[in-house]
Amino acid sequence: MRFFSIFTIALLLAVLALPTLLPAEEFRVWGGKTDDFTDSQGRVWRGAQQTDQSWGGWTEKEPRTAEVKELTTDAQAQAADAGYDVDLFYAVSWAAFPDTIKYQFKTGDGTFDVTYLVGEHWSPNNRGFDIFIEEENVEPLYVTPGRHEIDIKNYTGIEVSDGALDVHLAGNGETGAGDLNAMFSALEVVPSAGTAVDPKAKLTTMWGALKDDRQ
């Protein structure tokens, strides 16, 4: 009987701990595309030219699209070193100023890390805009890299309390750039490390509570 009781408690603890062991949902889109893309690491990038999907989509106005016909050798190496397939940088979603780009990801509440990726197809070091995440200007007066080059920007610890993470790219003349058409090649949104409940701590707490009940 005692063995059965211990087994039952262990099974209950395993069930309670299970949700914390499941991987949290991650969100990825690649610009200028409607079809999904699975990269060399098995990660799925949703076509960014969509709205109102299960993961989210563009809001207010559909972005335009353009191709990045080639990348420099250094750009390709930079992408590989950062852990991204070069395929992600060969197209962009963009907005003709004064239009802006707005995307919403149905993340739920929590803390997230956001990565902005771009390949420049036209205006070498002459495209200027601001990058807003959750209405905070995380990259004021941003200017994209040289033609056929890429850039990767990381923003960590973004807090979401309304169930959805918003990204907004808006041209800004104060950059001094001649091209104010905001754009991106890919956007990645993943839960910040360390924000999930530690299953070991949860089990320890539950064991303590059960022992107290038995005493």
C-alpha atoms as a PDB file:
ATOM      1  CA  MET A   1       0.000   0.000   0.000  1.00  0.00           C
ATOM      2  CA  ARG A   2       2.853   2.351   0.912  1.00  0.00           C
ATOM      3  CA  PHE A   3       4.568   1.566  -2.405  1.00  0.00           C
ATOM      4  CA  PHE A   4       1.370   2.393  -4.266  1.00  0.00           C
ATOM      5  CA  SER A   5       1.090   5.709  -2.422  1.00  0.00           C
ATOM      6  CA  ILE A   6       4.663   6.694  -3.268  1.00  0.00           C
ATOM      7  CA  PHE A   7       4.150   5.652  -6.897  1.00  0.00           C
ATOM      8  CA  THR A   8       0.953   7.723  -7.113  1.00  0.00           C
ATOM      9  CA  ILE A   9       2.681  10.785  -5.675  1.00  0.00           C
ATOM     10  CA  ALA A  10       5.622  10.397  -8.063  1.00  0.00           C
ATOM     11  CA  LEU A  11       3.263  10.106 -11.014  1.00  0.00           C
ATOM     12  CA  LEU A  12       1.385  13.230  -9.896  1.00  0.00           C
ATOM     13  CA  LEU A  13       4.616  15.187  -9.603  1.00  0.00           C
ATOM     14  CA  ALA A  14       5.717  14.086 -13.077  1.00  0.00           C
ATOM     15  CA  VAL A  15       2.418  15.238 -14.581  1.00  0.00           C
ATOM     16  CA  LEU A  16       2.613  18.576 -12.791  1.00  0.00           C
ATOM     17  CA  ALA A  17       6.180  19.125 -13.985  1.00  0.00           C
ATOM     18  CA  LEU A  18       5.514  18.166 -17.614  1.00  0.00           C
ATOM     19  CA  PRO A  19       4.265  21.545 -18.915  1.00  0.00           C
ATOM     20  CA  THR A  20       7.475  23.230 -17.784  1.00  0.00           C
ATOM     21  CA  LEU A  21       9.535  20.695 -19.733  1.00  0.00           C
ATOM     22  CA  LEU A  22       7.803  21.366 -23.047  1.00  0.00           C
ATOM     23  CA  PRO A  23       9.584  23.839 -25.345  1.00  0.00           C
ATOM     24  CA  ALA A  24       8.095  27.335 -25.391  1.00  0.00           C
ATOM     25  CA  GLU A  25       6.732  28.529 -28.717  1.00  0.00           C
ATOM     26  CA  GLU A  26       9.039  30.475 -31.003  1.00  0.00           C
ATOM     27  CA  PHE A  27       8.066  32.788 -33.864  1.00  0.00           C
ATOM     28  CA  ARG A  28       9.982  33.375 -37.094  1.00  0.00           C
ATOM     29  CA  VAL A  29       9.104  35.073 -40.397  1.00  0.00           C
ATOM     30  CA  TRP A  30      11.129  35.726 -43.538  1.00  0.00           C
ATOM     31  CA  GLY A  31      10.514  38.822 -45.600  1.00  0.00           C
ATOM     32  CA  GLY A  32       9.176  39.122 -49.113  1.00  0.00           C
ATOM     33  CA  LYS A  33       7.663  35.626 -49.056  1.00  0.00           C
ATOM     34  CA  THR A  34       4.264  33.990 -48.669  1.00  0.00           C
ATOM     35  CA  ASP A  35       5.506  30.397 -48.420  1.00  0.00           C
ATOM     36  CA  ASP A  36       7.115  28.917 -45.328  1.00  0.00           C
ATOM     37  CA  PHE A  37      10.797  27.968 -45.240  1.00  0.00           C
ATOM     38  CA  THR A  38      12.481  25.279 -43.129  1.00  0.00           C
ATOM     39  CA  ASP A  39      16.136  26.124 -42.541  1.00  0.00           C
ATOM     40  CA  SER A  40      19.112  23.789 -42.162  1.00  0.00           C
ATOM     41  CA  GLN A  41      18.487  23.562 -38.405  1.00  0.00           C
ATOM     42  CA  GLY A  42      14.866  22.500 -38.868  1.00  0.00           C
ATOM     43  CA  ARG A  43      13.419  25.860 -37.806  1.00  0.00           C
ATOM     44  CA  VAL A  44      10.318  26.994 -39.665  1.00  0.00           C
ATOM     45  CA  TRP A  45      10.172  30.578 -40.953  1.00  0.00           C
ATOM     46  CA  ARG A  46       6.661  31.710 -41.882  1.00  0.00           C
ATOM     47  CA  GLY A  47       6.066  33.729 -45.016  1.00  0.00           C
ATOM     48  CA  ALA A  48       5.941  37.354 -43.870  1.00  0.00           C
ATOM     49  CA  GLN A  49       3.520  38.492 -46.584  1.00  0.00           C
ATOM     50  CA  GLN A  50       0.545  37.236 -44.582  1.00  0.00           C
ATOM     51  CA  THR A  51      -1.851  38.698 -42.049  1.00  0.00           C
ATOM     52  CA  ASP A  52      -4.144  37.254 -39.377  1.00  0.00           C
ATOM     53  CA  GLN A  53      -2.414  33.874 -39.151  1.00  0.00           C
ATOM     54  CA  SER A  54      -2.227  31.627 -36.088  1.00  0.00           C
ATOM     55  CA  TRP A  55       1.218  33.130 -35.375  1.00  0.00           C
ATOM     56  CA  GLY A  56       0.239  36.716 -36.256  1.00  0.00           C
ATOM     57  CA  GLY A  57       1.073  38.732 -39.373  1.00  0.00           C
ATOM     58  CA  TRP A  58       1.354  42.212 -40.801  1.00  0.00           C
ATOM     59  CA  THR A  59      -1.137  44.834 -39.644  1.00  0.00           C
ATOM     60  CA  GLU A  60      -2.589  48.026 -41.140  1.00  0.00           C
ATOM     61  CA  LYS A  61      -0.958  47.791 -44.600  1.00  0.00           C
ATOM     62  CA  GLU A  62       0.644  44.931 -46.502  1.00  0.00           C
ATOM     63  CA  PRO A  63       4.375  45.498 -47.072  1.00  0.00           C
ATOM     64  CA  ARG A  64       5.898  45.548 -50.536  1.00  0.00           C
ATOM     65  CA  THR A  65       8.528  43.006 -51.569  1.00  0.00           C
ATOM     66  CA  ALA A  66      11.950  43.116 -53.204  1.00  0.00           C
ATOM     67  CA  GLU A  67      14.763  40.695 -54.003  1.00  0.00           C
ATOM     68  CA  VAL A  68      18.345  40.841 -52.795  1.00  0.00           C
ATOM     69  CA  LYS A  69      20.040  39.370 -55.853  1.00  0.00           C
ATOM     70  CA  GLU A  70      23.423  38.696 -54.313  1.00  0.00           C
ATOM     71  CA  LEU A  71      25.371  38.820 -51.056  1.00  0.00           C
ATOM     72  CA  THR A  72      29.046  39.514 -50.552  1.00  0.00           C
ATOM     73  CA  THR A  73      31.303  36.705 -49.381  1.00  0.00           C
ATOM     74  CA  ASP A  74      31.690  38.482 -46.046  1.00  0.00           C
ATOM     75  CA  ALA A  75      27.893  38.768 -45.703  1.00  0.00           C
ATOM     76  CA  GLN A  76      27.451  35.058 -46.305  1.00  0.00           C
ATOM     77  CA  ALA A  77      30.110  34.285 -43.693  1.00  0.00           C
ATOM     78  CA  GLN A  78      28.463  36.673 -41.230  1.00  0.00           C
ATOM     79  CA  ALA A  79      25.127  34.898 -41.611  1.00  0.00           C
ATOM     80  CA  ALA A  80      26.722  31.473 -41.121  1.00  0.00           C
ATOM     81  CA  ASP A  81      28.655  32.615 -38.052  1.00  0.00           C
ATOM     82  CA  ALA A  82      25.417  33.916 -36.498  1.00  0.00           C
ATOM     83  CA  GLY A  83      23.647  30.600 -37.167  1.00  0.00           C
ATOM     84  CA  TYR A  84      21.332  31.717 -39.973  1.00  0.00           C
ATOM     85  CA  ASP A  85      20.901  30.323 -43.487  1.00  0.00           C
ATOM     86  CA  VAL A  86      21.832  32.823 -46.202  1.00  0.00           C
ATOM     87  CA  ASP A  87      18.461  32.091 -47.868  1.00  0.00           C
ATOM     88  CA  LEU A  88      16.831  34.362 -45.283  1.00  0.00           C
ATOM     89  CA  PHE A  89      18.616  37.444 -46.626  1.00  0.00           C
ATOM     90  CA  TYR A  90      17.711  37.228 -50.323  1.00  0.00           C
ATOM     91  CA  ALA A  91      14.368  39.026 -50.093  1.00  0.00           C
ATOM     92  CA  VAL A  92      12.784  41.803 -48.026  1.00  0.00           C
ATOM     93  CA  SER A  93       9.430  43.156 -46.964  1.00  0.00           C
ATOM     94  CA  TRP A  94       9.462  46.955 -47.175  1.00  0.00           C
ATOM     95  CA  ALA A  95       7.281  50.064 -46.987  1.00  0.00           C
ATOM     96  CA  ALA A  96       7.386  53.140 -49.227  1.00  0.00           C
ATOM     97  CA  PHE A  97       7.790  56.149 -46.895  1.00  0.00           C
ATOM     98  CA  PRO A  98       5.702  57.622 -45.276  1.00  0.00           C
ATOM     99  CA  ASP A  99       4.125  54.150 -44.988  1.00  0.00           C
ATOM    100  CA  THR A 100       5.556  51.988 -42.225  1.00  0.00           C
ATOM    101  CA  ILE A 101       5.863  48.274 -41.498  1.00  0.00           C
ATOM    102  CA  LYS A 102       3.881  46.799 -38.629  1.00  0.00           C
ATOM    103  CA  TYR A 103       3.854  43.177 -37.486  1.00  0.00           C
ATOM    104  CA  GLN A 104       2.179  41.484 -34.562  1.00  0.00           C
ATOM    105  CA  PHE A 105       3.173  38.121 -33.087  1.00  0.00           C
ATOM    106  CA  LYS A 106       0.654  36.192 -30.978  1.00  0.00           C
ATOM    107  CA  THR A 107       3.169  35.320 -28.289  1.00  0.00           C
ATOM    108  CA  GLY A 108       1.025  35.499 -25.177  1.00  0.00           C
ATOM    109  CA  ASP A 109       2.394  37.282 -22.121  1.00  0.00           C
ATOM    110  CA  GLY A 110       6.023  36.870 -21.126  1.00  0.00           C
ATOM    111  CA  THR A 111       9.539  38.089 -21.804  1.00  0.00           C
ATOM    112  CA  PHE A 112      11.051  37.643 -25.256  1.00  0.00           C
ATOM    113  CA  ASP A 113      14.229  38.173 -27.266  1.00  0.00           C
ATOM    114  CA  VAL A 114      13.820  39.649 -30.735  1.00  0.00           C
ATOM    115  CA  THR A 115      16.283  39.435 -33.628  1.00  0.00           C
ATOM    116  CA  TYR A 116      16.066  41.736 -36.651  1.00  0.00           C
ATOM    117  CA  LEU A 117      17.813  40.549 -39.832  1.00  0.00           C
ATOM    118  CA  VAL A 118      18.256  42.495 -43.052  1.00  0.00           C
ATOM    119  CA  GLY A 119      20.047  42.246 -46.384  1.00  0.00           C
ATOM    120  CA  GLU A 120      20.482  45.526 -48.290  1.00  0.00           C
ATOM    121  CA  HIS A 121      19.483  45.314 -51.956  1.00  0.00           C
ATOM    122  CA  TRP A 122      19.516  48.933 -53.099  1.00  0.00           C
ATOM    123  CA  SER A 123      20.636  51.838 -50.864  1.00  0.00           C
ATOM    124  CA  PRO A 124      24.181  51.333 -49.533  1.00  0.00           C
ATOM    125  CA  ASN A 125      24.408  52.882 -46.052  1.00  0.00           C
ATOM    126  CA  ASN A 126      21.640  55.285 -47.069  1.00  0.00           C
ATOM    127  CA  ARG A 127      18.392  53.776 -45.734  1.00  0.00           C
ATOM    128  CA  GLY A 128      17.339  55.196 -42.380  1.00  0.00           C
ATOM    129  CA  PHE A 129      14.521  54.320 -40.001  1.00  0.00           C
ATOM    130  CA  ASP A 130      13.626  53.550 -36.397  1.00  0.00           C
ATOM    131  CA  ILE A 131      12.915  50.083 -34.997  1.00  0.00           C
ATOM    132  CA  PHE A 132      10.149  49.951 -32.406  1.00  0.00           C
ATOM    133  CA  ILE A 133       9.289  46.859 -30.351  1.00  0.00           C
ATOM    134  CA  GLU A 134       6.299  47.066 -28.027  1.00  0.00           C
ATOM    135  CA  GLU A 135       6.199  50.823 -28.772  1.00  0.00           C
ATOM    136  CA  GLU A 136       9.748  51.308 -27.474  1.00  0.00           C
ATOM    137  CA  ASN A 137      12.320  52.732 -29.878  1.00  0.00           C
ATOM    138  CA  VAL A 138      14.970  50.051 -29.468  1.00  0.00           C
ATOM    139  CA  GLU A 139      17.085  51.205 -32.454  1.00  0.00           C
ATOM    140  CA  PRO A 140      16.709  54.950 -33.105  1.00  0.00           C
ATOM    141  CA  LEU A 141      18.209  56.392 -36.291  1.00  0.00           C
ATOM    142  CA  TYR A 142      19.147  53.011 -37.701  1.00  0.00           C
ATOM    143  CA  VAL A 143      20.891  52.944 -41.102  1.00  0.00           C
ATOM    144  CA  THR A 144      21.131  49.715 -43.082  1.00  0.00           C
ATOM    145  CA  PRO A 145      24.511  48.355 -44.284  1.00  0.00           C
ATOM    146  CA  GLY A 146      26.155  48.536 -47.694  1.00  0.00           C
ATOM    147  CA  ARG A 147      24.592  47.049 -50.799  1.00  0.00           C
ATOM    148  CA  HIS A 148      24.643  43.230 -50.798  1.00  0.00           C
ATOM    149  CA  GLU A 149      25.694  43.273 -47.139  1.00  0.00           C
ATOM    150  CA  ILE A 150      23.661  42.134 -44.124  1.00  0.00           C
ATOM    151  CA  ASP A 151      23.010  43.225 -40.568  1.00  0.00           C
ATOM    152  CA  ILE A 152      21.717  41.353 -37.513  1.00  0.00           C
ATOM    153  CA  LYS A 153      20.374  43.168 -34.438  1.00  0.00           C
ATOM    154  CA  ASN A 154      19.403  41.533 -31.124  1.00  0.00           C
ATOM    155  CA  TYR A 155      17.030  42.964 -28.522  1.00  0.00           C
ATOM    156  CA  THR A 156      16.626  41.047 -25.283  1.00  0.00           C
ATOM    157  CA  GLY A 157      14.193  41.091 -22.389  1.00  0.00           C
ATOM    158  CA  ILE A 158      11.183  42.521 -24.233  1.00  0.00           C
ATOM    159  CA  GLU A 159       8.178  42.298 -21.903  1.00  0.00           C
ATOM    160  CA  VAL A 160       4.709  41.544 -23.300  1.00  0.00           C
ATOM    161  CA  SER A 161       1.627  41.993 -21.111  1.00  0.00           C
ATOM    162  CA  ASP A 162      -1.201  42.209 -23.662  1.00  0.00           C
ATOM    163  CA  GLY A 163      -0.747  38.803 -25.305  1.00  0.00           C
ATOM    164  CA  ALA A 164       0.950  40.021 -28.506  1.00  0.00           C
ATOM    165  CA  LEU A 165       4.379  41.399 -29.411  1.00  0.00           C
ATOM    166  CA  ASP A 166       4.404  44.320 -31.849  1.00  0.00           C
ATOM    167  CA  VAL A 167       7.231  45.302 -34.204  1.00  0.00           C
ATOM    168  CA  HIS A 168       7.099  48.648 -36.031  1.00  0.00           C
ATOM    169  CA  LEU A 169       9.636  49.955 -38.570  1.00  0.00           C
ATOM    170  CA  ALA A 170       9.258  53.632 -39.499  1.00  0.00           C
ATOM    171  CA  GLY A 171      11.405  55.841 -41.745  1.00  0.00           C
ATOM    172  CA  ASN A 172      13.060  58.777 -39.977  1.00  0.00           C
ATOM    173  CA  GLY A 173      14.523  61.787 -41.798  1.00  0.00           C
ATOM    174  CA  GLU A 174      16.693  62.590 -38.790  1.00  0.00           C
ATOM    175  CA  THR A 175      18.950  59.711 -39.823  1.00  0.00           C
ATOM    176  CA  GLY A 176      20.205  61.939 -42.637  1.00  0.00           C
ATOM    177  CA  ALA A 177      19.651  59.069 -45.064  1.00  0.00           C
ATOM    178  CA  GLY A 178      18.196  59.683 -48.499  1.00  0.00           C
ATOM    179  CA  ASP A 179      16.084  56.516 -48.433  1.00  0.00           C
ATOM    180  CA  LEU A 180      13.485  56.283 -45.654  1.00  0.00           C
ATOM    181  CA  ASN A 181      11.827  53.059 -46.841  1.00  0.00           C
ATOM    182  CA  ALA A 182      11.938  50.739 -43.824  1.00  0.00           C
ATOM    183  CA  MET A 183      12.440  47.022 -44.418  1.00  0.00           C
ATOM    184  CA  PHE A 184      13.515  43.662 -43.021  1.00  0.00           C
ATOM    185  CA  SER A 185      14.641  40.269 -44.296  1.00  0.00           C
ATOM    186  CA  ALA A 186      13.578  38.232 -41.268  1.00  0.00           C
ATOM    187  CA  LEU A 187      12.258  38.604 -37.728  1.00  0.00           C
ATOM    188  CA  GLU A 188      12.769  36.107 -34.923  1.00  0.00           C
ATOM    189  CA  VAL A 189      10.934  36.144 -31.574  1.00  0.00           C
ATOM    190  CA  VAL A 190      11.873  33.591 -28.907  1.00  0.00           C
ATOM    191  CA  PRO A 191      11.136  33.394 -25.160  1.00  0.00           C
ATOM    192  CA  SER A 192      13.966  34.842 -23.093  1.00  0.00           C
ATOM    193  CA  ALA A 193      16.188  32.301 -21.382  1.00  0.00           C
ATOM    194  CA  GLY A 194      15.492  31.726 -17.710  1.00  0.00           C
ATOM    195  CA  THR A 195      11.869  32.854 -17.766  1.00  0.00           C
ATOM    196  CA  ALA A 196      10.349  29.360 -17.519  1.00  0.00           C
ATOM    197  CA  VAL A 197       9.609  27.682 -14.190  1.00  0.00           C
ATOM    198  CA  ASP A 198      12.430  25.397 -13.065  1.00  0.00           C
ATOM    199  CA  PRO A 199      10.899  21.897 -12.941  1.00  0.00           C
ATOM    200  CA  LYS A 200      13.341  20.763 -10.231  1.00  0.00           C
ATOM    201  CA  ALA A 201      12.335  23.657  -7.991  1.00  0.00           C
ATOM    202  CA  LYS A 202       8.683  22.902  -8.659  1.00  0.00           C
ATOM    203  CA  LEU A 203       9.148  19.242  -7.680  1.00  0.00           C
ATOM    204  CA  THR A 204      11.032  20.184  -4.508  1.00  0.00           C
ATOM    205  CA  THR A 205       8.261  22.543  -3.470  1.00  0.00           C
ATOM    206  CA  MET A 206       5.567  19.957  -4.128  1.00  0.00           C
ATOM    207  CA  TRP A 207       7.440  17.226  -2.200  1.00  0.00           C
ATOM    208  CA  GLY A 208       7.757  19.580   0.768  1.00  0.00           C
ATOM    209  CA  ALA A 209       4.045  20.353   0.701  1.00  0.00           C
ATOM    210  CA  LEU A 210       3.144  16.662   0.598  1.00  0.00           C
ATOM    211  CA  LYS A 211       5.480  15.843   3.490  1.00  0.00           C
ATOM    212  CA  ASP A 212       3.921  18.597   5.569  1.00  0.00           C
ATOM    213  CA  ASP A 213       0.454  17.229   4.866  1.00  0.00           C
ATOM    214  CA  ARG A 214       1.499  13.746   6.033  1.00  0.00           C
ATOM    215  CA  GLN A 215       2.992  14.977   9.324  1.00  0.00           C
END
